[in-house]
Amino acid sequence: MQLLSIGVIEPVEGFEDRLKLEFDLIKEEGIQITLKKNTRGHVLYYFCHIDDENLLKGNYNGLRKMFFHCVANALSDIIINFWEPRIIKKIIKDNYFYFDKAEQEKIYEYTEDILNFNEAHGKKHLCYQIKRKTFVLHKILEYISSNNTIILDGFIKFRLKDYIDQLEEAVDKAIDEYLMEKEYKEFIKLLKLFVDLQEPKRDLVNVVIQNGEFRLLDDRMNLIEKDKSMDLFAQENLDVNLDDILVSTLINMAPRKIVIHGFLGKEKSEVVNALHNIFENRLIFCNHCDLCRNLKPLKTK
């Protein structure tokens, strides 16, 4: 008896193997599913048959439910792993065609990060992909429970609009992040050019990270007093923070060498990365001197 026919227009690598893997699992439950395939027009159909003996031995509704769940599990995996990257790339290509190929690939990477990023833990997390798969799985179950044929390409296009909307929203966010990153890099490039053209006002500046704050010391380890005009500017412009003042101060000094003490790789990493991009070879890190080990109270000159 034929339980379901699954049609595929665009060839999917490993499609048949993925279905057979599910059918092998229920075979252990005594349910034998036979898979036959045939091409009709431009659609490749997979016909799923169950042996009549299985129907006579077991509960038909129970067997049918187990079979449908296996099919939905396989097809939702195929959609998430095979189709999702293609859908995202098509959205980018259709809606943001004015970006070149390299930029579109970068936007795709940003989109993947947004879809799978856990803000609470600051890293990618598989649970977001599982949530999308679960949503798709239930949509497939809902459909095949009342239809004896599913053409996967058409199902994705017409029955998974909420899922595609989520992917489009992620692409839109990725565009914003990409443009912000691009603007930031151009800004850093201008600052680097400015520093390179500046006459150095100091040979060496030591930057100490202590209790979440920066301190600037000269080559004799004396504290460099803050520029009062910078403090006044910060007071009048609340969106300017101490980190911005640090970067501006170092850019104005344009020292020949900057040594950063007490950096452990996390605290103030955005500021340190910005300094590294602006000053490049002028910037070095120290974690072995007495200052790094002890970070003793500083004396003002």
Protein backbone atom coordinates (compact mmCIF):
# COMPACT_ATOMS: atom_id res chain seq x y z
CA MET A 1 0.00 0.00 0.00
CA GLN A 2 1.29 3.48 -0.91
CA LEU A 3 1.31 5.82 2.08
CA LEU A 4 2.86 8.94 0.56
CA SER A 5 4.57 10.30 -2.55
CA ILE A 6 7.31 12.93 -2.17
CA GLY A 7 8.21 15.07 -5.17
CA VAL A 8 11.45 16.99 -5.67
CA ILE A 9 12.10 19.43 -8.53
CA GLU A 10 15.61 20.58 -7.62
CA PRO A 11 17.93 17.60 -7.04
CA VAL A 12 18.98 17.27 -3.40
CA GLU A 13 22.21 15.42 -2.68
CA GLY A 14 21.67 12.61 -0.19
CA PHE A 15 17.87 12.95 -0.28
CA GLU A 16 17.15 9.25 -0.75
CA ASP A 17 19.77 8.21 1.81
CA ARG A 18 18.22 10.54 4.40
CA LEU A 19 14.77 9.01 3.88
CA LYS A 20 16.16 5.47 4.04
CA LEU A 21 17.94 6.29 7.30
CA GLU A 22 14.59 7.11 8.89
CA PHE A 23 12.95 4.03 7.41
CA ASP A 24 15.77 1.86 8.78
CA LEU A 25 14.97 3.17 12.26
CA ILE A 26 11.31 2.16 12.10
CA LYS A 27 12.30 -1.14 10.50
CA GLU A 28 13.56 -2.06 13.98
CA GLU A 29 9.95 -1.61 15.12
CA GLY A 30 8.86 -4.21 12.54
CA ILE A 31 7.65 -1.67 9.97
CA GLN A 32 9.00 -2.30 6.47
CA ILE A 33 8.85 0.72 4.14
CA THR A 34 9.76 0.26 0.48
CA LEU A 35 10.94 3.30 -1.47
CA LYS A 36 10.38 3.49 -5.23
CA LYS A 37 11.11 6.45 -7.48
CA ASN A 38 9.95 7.67 -10.86
CA THR A 39 10.31 10.89 -12.86
CA ARG A 40 7.16 12.59 -14.11
CA GLY A 41 7.83 15.68 -16.18
CA HIS A 42 10.40 17.74 -14.29
CA VAL A 43 9.55 16.23 -10.88
CA LEU A 44 11.31 13.24 -9.32
CA TYR A 45 8.85 11.34 -7.15
CA TYR A 46 9.65 9.01 -4.26
CA PHE A 47 6.79 6.60 -3.56
CA CYS A 48 6.65 5.23 -0.02
CA HIS A 49 4.97 1.82 0.30
CA ILE A 50 4.25 -0.29 3.36
CA ASP A 51 3.96 -4.06 3.16
CA ASP A 52 0.43 -5.40 3.53
CA GLU A 53 1.69 -7.80 6.20
CA ASN A 54 2.57 -4.83 8.40
CA LEU A 55 -0.96 -3.51 8.00
CA LEU A 56 -2.47 -6.83 9.00
CA LYS A 57 -0.19 -7.23 12.03
CA GLY A 58 -0.33 -3.76 13.52
CA ASN A 59 -2.50 -0.74 14.24
CA TYR A 60 -2.85 1.18 10.96
CA ASN A 61 -3.25 4.60 12.58
CA GLY A 62 -0.25 4.01 14.84
CA LEU A 63 1.91 2.83 11.93
CA ARG A 64 0.79 5.79 9.80
CA LYS A 65 1.60 8.26 12.57
CA MET A 66 5.07 6.80 13.11
CA PHE A 67 5.75 6.83 9.37
CA PHE A 68 4.66 10.46 8.98
CA HIS A 69 6.86 11.55 11.86
CA CYS A 70 9.88 9.83 10.27
CA VAL A 71 9.20 11.53 6.93
CA ALA A 72 8.70 14.93 8.58
CA ASN A 73 11.95 14.50 10.51
CA ALA A 74 13.88 13.69 7.33
CA LEU A 75 12.31 16.46 5.22
CA SER A 76 12.75 19.12 7.93
CA ASP A 77 16.44 18.16 8.16
CA ILE A 78 16.77 18.49 4.39
CA ILE A 79 15.05 21.90 4.40
CA ILE A 80 17.26 23.28 7.20
CA ASN A 81 20.55 21.84 5.94
CA PHE A 82 20.06 21.92 2.14
CA TRP A 83 17.40 24.50 1.39
CA GLU A 84 17.99 27.14 4.06
CA PRO A 85 21.41 28.28 2.73
CA ARG A 86 19.97 28.47 -0.80
CA ILE A 87 16.93 30.45 0.33
CA ILE A 88 19.12 32.94 2.20
CA LYS A 89 21.45 33.38 -0.78
CA LYS A 90 18.47 33.87 -3.12
CA ILE A 91 16.99 36.53 -0.80
CA ILE A 92 20.32 38.36 -0.80
CA LYS A 93 20.73 38.03 -4.56
CA ASP A 94 17.17 39.16 -5.37
CA ASN A 95 16.83 41.98 -2.82
CA TYR A 96 20.41 43.22 -2.64
CA PHE A 97 21.67 42.53 -6.14
CA TYR A 98 23.73 45.75 -6.13
CA PHE A 99 26.29 44.16 -3.78
CA ASP A 100 29.06 42.27 -5.54
CA LYS A 101 29.59 38.52 -5.11
CA ALA A 102 32.15 38.87 -2.29
CA GLU A 103 29.89 41.27 -0.39
CA GLN A 104 26.89 38.96 -0.81
CA GLU A 105 28.92 36.09 0.63
CA LYS A 106 29.88 38.25 3.61
CA ILE A 107 26.22 39.21 4.15
CA TYR A 108 25.34 35.48 4.05
CA GLU A 109 27.88 34.84 6.84
CA TYR A 110 26.39 37.68 8.90
CA THR A 111 22.90 36.20 8.37
CA GLU A 112 23.99 32.78 9.59
CA ASP A 113 25.49 34.35 12.70
CA ILE A 114 22.28 36.28 13.42
CA LEU A 115 20.09 33.19 12.97
CA ASN A 116 22.18 31.06 15.31
CA PHE A 117 23.64 33.60 17.75
CA ASN A 118 22.88 33.41 21.45
CA GLU A 119 23.13 36.95 22.84
CA ALA A 120 23.07 35.76 26.45
CA HIS A 121 26.15 33.58 25.97
CA GLY A 122 27.77 35.61 23.20
CA LYS A 123 28.25 32.64 20.86
CA LYS A 124 26.54 30.47 18.29
CA HIS A 125 24.03 28.02 19.70
CA LEU A 126 22.46 24.98 18.03
CA CYS A 127 19.13 25.48 19.82
CA TYR A 128 18.06 28.21 17.35
CA GLN A 129 18.53 25.86 14.40
CA ILE A 130 16.61 23.18 16.30
CA LYS A 131 13.74 25.63 16.89
CA ARG A 132 13.52 26.35 13.15
CA LYS A 133 13.63 22.65 12.37
CA THR A 134 10.86 21.94 14.90
CA PHE A 135 8.67 24.64 13.35
CA VAL A 136 9.21 23.21 9.85
CA LEU A 137 8.67 19.63 11.08
CA HIS A 138 5.24 20.48 12.53
CA LYS A 139 4.23 22.25 9.30
CA ILE A 140 5.17 19.15 7.30
CA LEU A 141 3.30 16.84 9.68
CA GLU A 142 0.24 19.05 9.43
CA TYR A 143 0.36 18.94 5.64
CA ILE A 144 1.07 15.24 4.98
CA SER A 145 -1.56 14.19 7.53
CA SER A 146 -4.23 15.37 5.09
CA ASN A 147 -2.41 15.09 1.73
CA ASN A 148 -1.00 11.98 0.09
CA THR A 149 1.51 13.93 -2.04
CA ILE A 150 4.02 16.61 -1.08
CA ILE A 151 6.24 18.40 -3.61
CA LEU A 152 9.00 19.79 -1.44
CA ASP A 153 9.92 22.81 -3.59
CA GLY A 154 6.32 24.03 -3.73
CA PHE A 155 5.72 23.28 -0.06
CA ILE A 156 8.65 25.51 0.93
CA LYS A 157 7.49 28.33 -1.31
CA PHE A 158 3.79 28.33 -0.41
CA ARG A 159 3.50 26.67 3.01
CA LEU A 160 6.56 28.00 4.87
CA LYS A 161 6.03 31.74 4.47
CA ASP A 162 6.52 32.43 8.19
CA TYR A 163 9.83 30.55 8.08
CA ILE A 164 10.97 32.45 4.97
CA ASP A 165 9.89 35.73 6.60
CA GLN A 166 12.21 34.90 9.50
CA LEU A 167 15.09 34.33 7.08
CA GLU A 168 14.33 37.62 5.29
CA GLU A 169 14.31 39.47 8.61
CA ALA A 170 17.69 37.97 9.46
CA VAL A 171 19.07 39.08 6.07
CA ASP A 172 17.81 42.64 6.68
CA LYS A 173 19.59 42.71 10.05
CA ALA A 174 22.71 41.29 8.43
CA ILE A 175 22.70 44.11 5.87
CA ASP A 176 22.57 46.69 8.67
CA GLU A 177 25.43 45.01 10.52
CA TYR A 178 27.48 44.64 7.36
CA LEU A 179 27.08 48.32 6.44
CA MET A 180 27.95 49.39 9.98
CA GLU A 181 31.05 47.19 9.92
CA LYS A 182 32.02 48.55 6.52
CA GLU A 183 31.58 52.13 7.73
CA TYR A 184 33.62 51.35 10.85
CA LYS A 185 36.48 49.90 8.81
CA GLU A 186 36.53 52.96 6.55
CA PHE A 187 36.59 55.20 9.65
CA ILE A 188 39.47 53.19 11.17
CA LYS A 189 41.32 53.47 7.85
CA LEU A 190 41.00 57.28 7.96
CA LEU A 191 42.22 57.39 11.58
CA LYS A 192 45.20 55.20 10.66
CA LEU A 193 46.06 57.53 7.79
CA PHE A 194 45.80 60.53 10.13
CA VAL A 195 48.14 58.87 12.67
CA ASP A 196 50.66 57.97 9.97
CA LEU A 197 50.77 61.60 8.80
CA GLN A 198 51.05 62.99 12.34
CA GLU A 199 54.38 64.00 13.87
CA PRO A 200 54.73 61.85 17.03
CA LYS A 201 54.40 63.92 20.22
CA ARG A 202 55.73 61.10 22.42
CA ASP A 203 58.12 58.23 21.87
CA LEU A 204 56.32 55.84 24.22
CA VAL A 205 52.97 55.65 25.98
CA ASN A 206 52.06 52.85 28.39
CA VAL A 207 48.37 51.96 28.53
CA VAL A 208 47.30 50.20 31.72
CA ILE A 209 43.95 48.45 32.06
CA GLN A 210 42.96 48.54 35.72
CA ASN A 211 39.51 47.90 37.23
CA GLY A 212 37.82 48.34 33.87
CA GLU A 213 39.49 51.69 33.21
CA PHE A 214 42.47 52.89 31.22
CA ARG A 215 45.44 54.80 32.58
CA LEU A 216 48.11 56.41 30.41
CA LEU A 217 51.73 56.50 31.59
CA ASP A 218 54.78 58.03 29.98
CA ASP A 219 58.11 56.30 29.36
CA ARG A 220 59.10 56.84 33.02
CA MET A 221 55.87 55.27 34.28
CA ASN A 222 54.44 58.59 35.42
CA LEU A 223 50.73 59.15 35.00
CA ILE A 224 49.86 61.31 32.02
CA GLU A 225 47.29 63.82 33.16
CA LYS A 226 44.01 63.98 31.32
CA ASP A 227 43.45 66.69 28.76
CA LYS A 228 41.02 69.10 30.44
CA SER A 229 39.51 70.09 27.12
CA MET A 230 38.71 66.42 26.47
CA ASP A 231 36.99 66.13 29.87
CA LEU A 232 34.96 69.24 29.17
CA PHE A 233 33.98 67.90 25.75
CA ALA A 234 32.86 64.61 27.34
CA GLN A 235 30.76 66.45 29.90
CA GLU A 236 29.02 68.44 27.19
CA ASN A 237 28.52 65.38 24.95
CA LEU A 238 27.05 62.54 27.00
CA ASP A 239 27.29 60.05 24.12
CA VAL A 240 31.10 60.31 24.30
CA ASN A 241 32.58 57.89 26.86
CA LEU A 242 35.99 57.47 28.47
CA ASP A 243 37.01 54.85 25.94
CA ASP A 244 36.41 57.32 23.09
CA ILE A 245 38.55 59.89 24.92
CA LEU A 246 41.36 57.35 25.31
CA VAL A 247 41.42 56.60 21.59
CA SER A 248 41.26 60.32 20.71
CA THR A 249 44.08 61.13 23.14
CA LEU A 250 46.36 58.47 21.70
CA ILE A 251 45.56 59.56 18.14
CA ASN A 252 46.47 63.16 19.01
CA MET A 253 49.72 62.01 20.64
CA ALA A 254 50.51 59.62 17.77
CA PRO A 255 53.26 57.96 19.85
CA ARG A 256 55.96 55.95 18.13
CA LYS A 257 55.22 53.04 20.44
CA ILE A 258 52.25 52.00 22.62
CA VAL A 259 52.55 49.25 25.22
CA ILE A 260 49.32 47.80 26.63
CA HIS A 261 49.60 46.29 30.11
CA GLY A 262 47.07 44.08 31.85
CA PHE A 263 45.08 43.01 28.78
CA LEU A 264 43.71 39.48 29.21
CA GLY A 265 41.90 39.22 25.89
CA LYS A 266 38.34 40.08 27.01
CA GLU A 267 38.10 43.26 29.03
CA LYS A 268 37.87 46.34 26.80
CA SER A 269 38.54 44.12 23.79
CA GLU A 270 36.65 46.42 21.36
CA VAL A 271 38.81 49.42 22.30
CA VAL A 272 42.01 47.38 22.20
CA ASN A 273 41.07 45.99 18.78
CA ALA A 274 40.42 49.52 17.53
CA LEU A 275 43.84 50.66 18.80
CA HIS A 276 45.46 47.63 17.17
CA ASN A 277 43.82 48.44 13.83
CA ILE A 278 44.80 52.11 14.01
CA PHE A 279 48.38 51.82 15.27
CA GLU A 280 49.24 48.32 13.99
CA ASN A 281 53.01 47.76 14.40
CA ARG A 282 53.34 50.57 16.92
CA LEU A 283 51.21 48.61 19.38
CA ILE A 284 52.62 45.80 21.54
CA PHE A 285 51.20 43.86 24.49
CA CYS A 286 52.95 43.18 27.79
CA ASN A 287 51.89 40.75 30.48
CA HIS A 288 55.15 39.89 32.23
CA CYS A 289 56.54 43.14 33.72
CA ASP A 290 56.16 44.18 37.36
CA LEU A 291 53.39 46.57 36.41
CA CYS A 292 51.40 43.80 34.77
CA ARG A 293 51.91 41.45 37.71
CA ASN A 294 51.14 43.87 40.46
CA LEU A 295 49.40 46.91 38.94
CA LYS A 296 50.56 48.97 41.93
CA PRO A 297 48.96 52.32 42.81
CA LEU A 298 50.11 54.95 40.37
CA LYS A 299 51.95 58.16 41.24
CA THR A 300 51.00 61.41 39.59
CA LYS A 301 53.96 63.45 38.43
